[in-house]
Protein backbone atom coordinates (compact mmCIF):
# COMPACT_ATOMS: atom_id res chain seq x y z
CA MET A 1 -8.37 -16.90 -2.61
CA THR A 2 -6.73 -14.10 -0.65
CA GLN A 3 -4.99 -11.50 -2.79
CA ILE A 4 -1.81 -10.05 -1.25
CA ILE A 5 -0.96 -6.75 -2.92
CA SER A 6 2.01 -4.47 -2.26
CA ILE A 7 1.38 -0.76 -2.79
CA ALA A 8 4.74 0.60 -3.83
CA ASN A 9 6.66 3.42 -5.47
CA GLN A 10 10.20 4.38 -4.49
CA LYS A 11 9.30 8.06 -4.89
CA GLY A 12 7.81 9.69 -1.81
CA GLY A 13 4.72 11.87 -1.91
CA VAL A 14 2.92 10.02 -4.69
CA GLY A 15 -0.18 9.05 -2.70
CA LYS A 16 1.02 5.58 -1.74
CA THR A 17 -0.13 5.58 1.90
CA THR A 18 -3.22 7.58 0.97
CA THR A 19 -4.08 4.81 -1.47
CA ALA A 20 -3.28 2.03 1.02
CA VAL A 21 -5.54 3.50 3.70
CA ASN A 22 -8.42 4.62 1.52
CA LEU A 23 -8.52 1.62 -0.81
CA SER A 24 -8.52 -0.66 2.25
CA ALA A 25 -11.34 1.33 3.83
CA ALA A 26 -13.38 1.49 0.63
CA LEU A 27 -13.17 -2.29 0.11
CA ALA A 28 -14.08 -2.87 3.76
CA MET A 29 -17.17 -0.71 3.25
CA LEU A 30 -18.02 -2.86 0.22
CA GLY A 31 -18.03 -5.92 2.49
CA LYS A 32 -14.55 -7.33 1.93
CA LYS A 33 -12.35 -8.47 4.81
CA ILE A 34 -9.14 -6.47 4.65
CA LEU A 35 -5.78 -6.61 6.43
CA LEU A 36 -3.54 -3.58 5.96
CA VAL A 37 0.13 -4.12 6.82
CA ASP A 38 2.02 -0.90 7.54
CA CYS A 39 5.51 -1.76 6.30
CA ASP A 40 6.91 1.78 6.57
CA SER A 41 8.83 3.03 9.61
CA GLN A 42 7.12 6.42 9.22
CA ALA A 43 3.93 4.59 10.22
CA ASN A 44 1.66 7.01 8.38
CA ALA A 45 -0.91 4.33 7.57
CA THR A 46 -1.07 3.49 11.27
CA THR A 47 -1.71 7.13 12.16
CA GLY A 48 -4.14 7.52 9.27
CA LEU A 49 -6.40 4.87 10.79
CA GLY A 50 -6.42 6.50 14.21
CA ILE A 51 -4.05 4.07 15.95
CA GLU A 52 -2.18 5.58 18.91
CA LYS A 53 1.41 4.47 18.31
CA PRO A 54 2.70 5.12 21.87
CA ALA A 55 0.03 2.78 23.24
CA LEU A 56 1.12 -0.17 21.08
CA GLU A 57 2.77 -3.05 22.90
CA ALA A 58 4.09 -4.53 19.64
CA SER A 59 4.29 -3.59 15.97
CA LEU A 60 5.29 -5.15 12.65
CA TYR A 61 8.95 -4.87 13.69
CA HIS A 62 8.45 -7.36 16.53
CA GLY A 63 6.80 -9.81 14.15
CA LEU A 64 9.56 -9.55 11.55
CA ILE A 65 12.33 -10.23 14.07
CA GLY A 66 10.42 -13.16 15.57
CA GLU A 67 9.40 -11.66 18.90
CA ALA A 68 5.63 -11.70 18.24
CA ASP A 69 3.08 -13.74 16.28
CA ILE A 70 0.89 -12.08 13.67
CA ALA A 71 -2.24 -12.63 15.81
CA ASP A 72 -0.68 -10.51 18.55
CA LEU A 73 -0.02 -7.64 16.14
CA MET A 74 -3.40 -7.19 14.48
CA VAL A 75 -5.40 -4.18 15.64
CA SER A 76 -9.08 -3.51 14.91
CA THR A 77 -10.10 -0.21 13.30
CA MET A 78 -13.27 1.87 13.16
CA LEU A 79 -14.43 -0.31 10.25
CA PRO A 80 -15.44 -3.82 11.38
CA LYS A 81 -13.98 -5.51 8.29
CA LEU A 82 -10.66 -3.60 8.30
CA THR A 83 -7.75 -4.75 10.46
CA ILE A 84 -4.24 -3.28 10.55
CA VAL A 85 -0.80 -4.54 11.49
CA PRO A 86 0.66 -1.25 12.75
CA SER A 87 4.18 0.05 12.34
CA SER A 88 6.51 2.16 14.46
CA VAL A 89 9.88 3.87 14.21
CA ASP A 90 11.43 0.60 15.51
CA LEU A 91 11.12 -0.75 11.96
CA ILE A 92 14.19 1.32 11.01
CA GLY A 93 16.31 -1.26 12.84
CA PHE A 94 15.01 -4.25 10.86
CA GLU A 95 17.46 -4.04 7.96
CA ILE A 96 20.49 -3.64 10.24
CA GLU A 97 19.51 -6.51 12.52
CA MET A 98 18.67 -8.84 9.62
CA VAL A 99 21.92 -8.28 7.70
CA SER A 100 23.16 -11.84 8.27
CA ALA A 101 19.86 -13.62 8.95
CA PRO A 102 18.97 -16.60 6.72
CA ARG A 103 16.06 -16.01 4.31
CA ARG A 104 15.72 -12.47 5.57
CA GLU A 105 13.75 -11.55 2.44
CA ALA A 106 10.95 -13.97 3.41
CA ARG A 107 10.27 -12.80 6.98
CA LEU A 108 7.02 -11.00 6.10
CA LYS A 109 5.76 -13.87 3.96
CA GLN A 110 6.30 -16.29 6.83
CA LEU A 111 4.64 -13.91 9.29
CA LEU A 112 1.47 -13.65 7.20
CA VAL A 113 0.98 -17.38 6.57
CA PRO A 114 -1.16 -18.15 9.67
CA VAL A 115 -3.79 -15.48 8.89
CA ALA A 116 -3.69 -15.12 5.10
CA ASP A 117 -6.84 -17.19 4.52
CA GLN A 118 -8.88 -15.04 6.92
CA PHE A 119 -8.99 -12.06 4.53
CA ASP A 120 -10.12 -11.25 1.00
CA PHE A 121 -7.26 -8.79 0.50
CA ILE A 122 -4.01 -8.08 2.31
CA PHE A 123 -2.45 -4.75 1.36
CA ILE A 124 1.16 -3.94 2.23
CA ASP A 125 2.03 -0.25 2.42
CA CYS A 126 5.69 -0.18 1.37
CA PRO A 127 8.32 2.40 2.35
CA PRO A 128 9.37 5.00 -0.27
CA ALA A 129 12.62 3.14 -1.04
CA LEU A 130 13.67 -0.06 -2.73
CA SER A 131 14.90 -1.63 0.51
CA LEU A 132 14.88 -4.96 2.37
CA LEU A 133 11.41 -4.06 3.67
CA THR A 134 10.17 -3.54 0.11
CA LEU A 135 11.80 -6.81 -0.93
CA ASN A 136 9.98 -8.57 1.93
CA ALA A 137 6.71 -7.05 0.73
CA PHE A 138 7.28 -8.18 -2.87
CA VAL A 139 8.27 -11.71 -1.82
CA ALA A 140 5.06 -11.95 0.25
CA SER A 141 2.79 -10.58 -2.48
CA HIS A 142 0.93 -11.85 -5.51
CA SER A 143 1.10 -8.45 -7.20
CA VAL A 144 2.23 -4.83 -6.95
CA LEU A 145 -0.06 -1.82 -7.25
CA ILE A 146 1.82 1.32 -8.31
CA PRO A 147 0.46 4.80 -7.50
CA LEU A 148 1.80 7.24 -10.11
CA GLN A 149 1.43 10.97 -9.56
CA SER A 150 0.18 13.01 -12.53
CA GLU A 151 3.19 15.32 -12.47
CA PHE A 152 6.45 16.03 -14.28
CA PHE A 153 9.12 13.29 -13.88
CA ALA A 154 6.39 10.83 -12.82
CA LEU A 155 7.38 8.22 -15.38
CA GLU A 156 11.11 8.83 -15.05
CA GLY A 157 11.59 6.90 -11.79
CA LEU A 158 9.24 4.11 -12.73
CA GLY A 159 11.86 2.16 -14.67
CA GLN A 160 13.86 1.41 -11.52
CA LEU A 161 10.79 0.06 -9.74
CA LEU A 162 9.82 -2.10 -12.71
CA ASP A 163 13.38 -3.43 -12.88
CA THR A 164 13.23 -4.32 -9.17
CA ILE A 165 9.94 -6.16 -9.68
CA LYS A 166 11.51 -8.07 -12.58
CA ARG A 167 14.53 -9.04 -10.46
CA VAL A 168 12.36 -10.17 -7.54
CA LYS A 169 10.27 -12.23 -9.95
CA SER A 170 13.33 -13.98 -11.37
CA SER A 171 15.08 -14.59 -8.03
CA PHE A 172 12.50 -14.83 -5.24
CA ASN A 173 8.87 -14.83 -6.37
CA SER A 174 8.14 -16.13 -9.86
CA LYS A 175 4.41 -15.42 -9.56
CA LEU A 176 4.79 -11.69 -8.79
CA LYS A 177 3.05 -9.45 -11.31
CA ILE A 178 2.03 -5.83 -11.70
CA ASN A 179 -1.55 -5.43 -10.52
CA GLY A 180 -1.90 -2.04 -12.18
CA ILE A 181 -0.94 1.62 -12.18
CA LEU A 182 -3.15 4.13 -10.39
CA LEU A 183 -2.87 7.77 -11.45
CA THR A 184 -2.97 10.03 -8.38
CA MET A 185 -2.96 13.78 -7.70
CA PHE A 186 -4.75 14.34 -10.99
CA ASP A 187 -5.68 17.92 -11.86
CA ARG A 188 -7.87 17.96 -14.96
CA ARG A 189 -7.25 21.70 -15.39
CA THR A 190 -3.61 21.25 -16.38
CA ASN A 191 -2.18 20.06 -19.69
CA LEU A 192 0.68 18.45 -17.77
CA ALA A 193 -1.62 16.03 -15.94
CA GLN A 194 -3.35 15.11 -19.19
CA ASN A 195 0.04 14.48 -20.83
CA VAL A 196 1.13 12.15 -18.02
CA VAL A 197 -2.12 10.18 -18.40
CA GLU A 198 -1.59 9.89 -22.15
CA ASP A 199 2.05 8.84 -21.73
CA ALA A 200 1.22 6.26 -19.06
CA ARG A 201 -1.53 4.71 -21.21
CA GLN A 202 0.73 4.71 -24.25
CA TYR A 203 3.51 2.84 -22.41
CA PHE A 204 1.49 0.60 -20.07
CA LYS A 205 -1.78 0.11 -21.95
CA ASP A 206 -4.40 -1.76 -19.92
CA LEU A 207 -2.25 -1.80 -16.78
CA VAL A 208 -3.38 1.78 -16.13
CA PHE A 209 -6.63 1.88 -14.17
CA LYS A 210 -9.46 3.93 -15.62
CA THR A 211 -10.12 5.58 -12.25
CA LYS A 212 -7.94 8.61 -11.49
CA ILE A 213 -7.52 10.03 -7.99
CA PRO A 214 -7.83 13.83 -8.03
CA ARG A 215 -6.04 16.41 -5.96
CA ASN A 216 -8.49 16.90 -3.11
CA VAL A 217 -8.33 18.92 0.11
CA LYS A 218 -10.33 16.32 2.06
CA LEU A 219 -7.81 13.60 1.19
CA GLY A 220 -5.13 15.73 2.82
CA GLU A 221 -7.22 16.57 5.88
CA ALA A 222 -8.53 13.10 6.73
CA PRO A 223 -5.29 11.60 8.17
CA SER A 224 -5.00 14.37 10.76
CA TYR A 225 -8.33 13.15 12.17
CA GLY A 226 -7.23 9.50 12.08
CA LEU A 227 -9.88 8.67 9.50
CA PRO A 228 -9.96 7.38 5.93
CA VAL A 229 -11.60 9.91 3.61
CA VAL A 230 -14.59 7.59 3.04
CA LEU A 231 -15.52 8.21 6.69
CA TYR A 232 -14.20 11.75 7.02
CA ASP A 233 -16.23 13.13 4.10
CA LYS A 234 -17.96 10.52 2.00
CA GLN A 235 -19.32 13.16 -0.41
CA SER A 236 -15.86 14.50 -1.30
CA GLN A 237 -14.30 13.82 -4.68
CA GLY A 238 -11.49 11.95 -2.93
CA SER A 239 -13.95 9.59 -1.27
CA LYS A 240 -15.97 9.02 -4.44
CA SER A 241 -12.78 8.34 -6.41
CA TYR A 242 -11.48 5.70 -3.99
CA MET A 243 -14.88 4.00 -3.86
CA ALA A 244 -14.86 3.94 -7.67
CA PHE A 245 -11.32 2.57 -7.68
CA ALA A 246 -12.26 -0.16 -5.18
CA ARG A 247 -15.08 -1.27 -7.47
CA GLU A 248 -12.78 -1.22 -10.51
CA LEU A 249 -10.19 -3.31 -8.66
CA LEU A 250 -12.85 -5.89 -7.77
CA LYS A 251 -13.93 -6.15 -11.42
CA ARG A 252 -10.36 -6.53 -12.60
């Protein structure tokens, strides 16, 4: 059965898009069929997979407002088993245009229905805000994967996200659950990072994945070349960590 997973955190700069791109690529390299949906108007996941945004005839925005079918939006990537639904700055207009639309929270779910069974995993890269786009992602998903940076205040903003997930579960999607919490930007040299890991495991127990994603120069460089780190430098710690995380996700 296809697993649809939102990758979300309302804080920016926590490694959300980095995780969306590199987890998708790692699973594709392990033989899984993956669809990555870029649900952020910044379109960083689109850029990170080498898609030329100006050349796109249509993006997720056109699908959400009913001007395009999902089959017309899917774009192949450099990995045969990884497909993306790209985004563009047009997505900013979605919330304004949908303000009075019926079942506006279910637009993404409806869009994905025709192709859902074609993939092992569908990942939705959410915007860094608890918005109508994020609500659409949660309504369409089976679970939410939360990247959590190993830094001060990391746990502070998590309560709001967990409350949102709880509200969506009670009102729109009773089967929504937390897939797990992935610790990102981990620097083993600092006490602070170790403290965040300890606090996260104390509060969230087995929800916290064993794999931690380190701070890594190659992870930062790869998007500028339009490549996931597993192709940009497969020997880097960033690449090895995301491959390890992909394997852990499959076991879980």
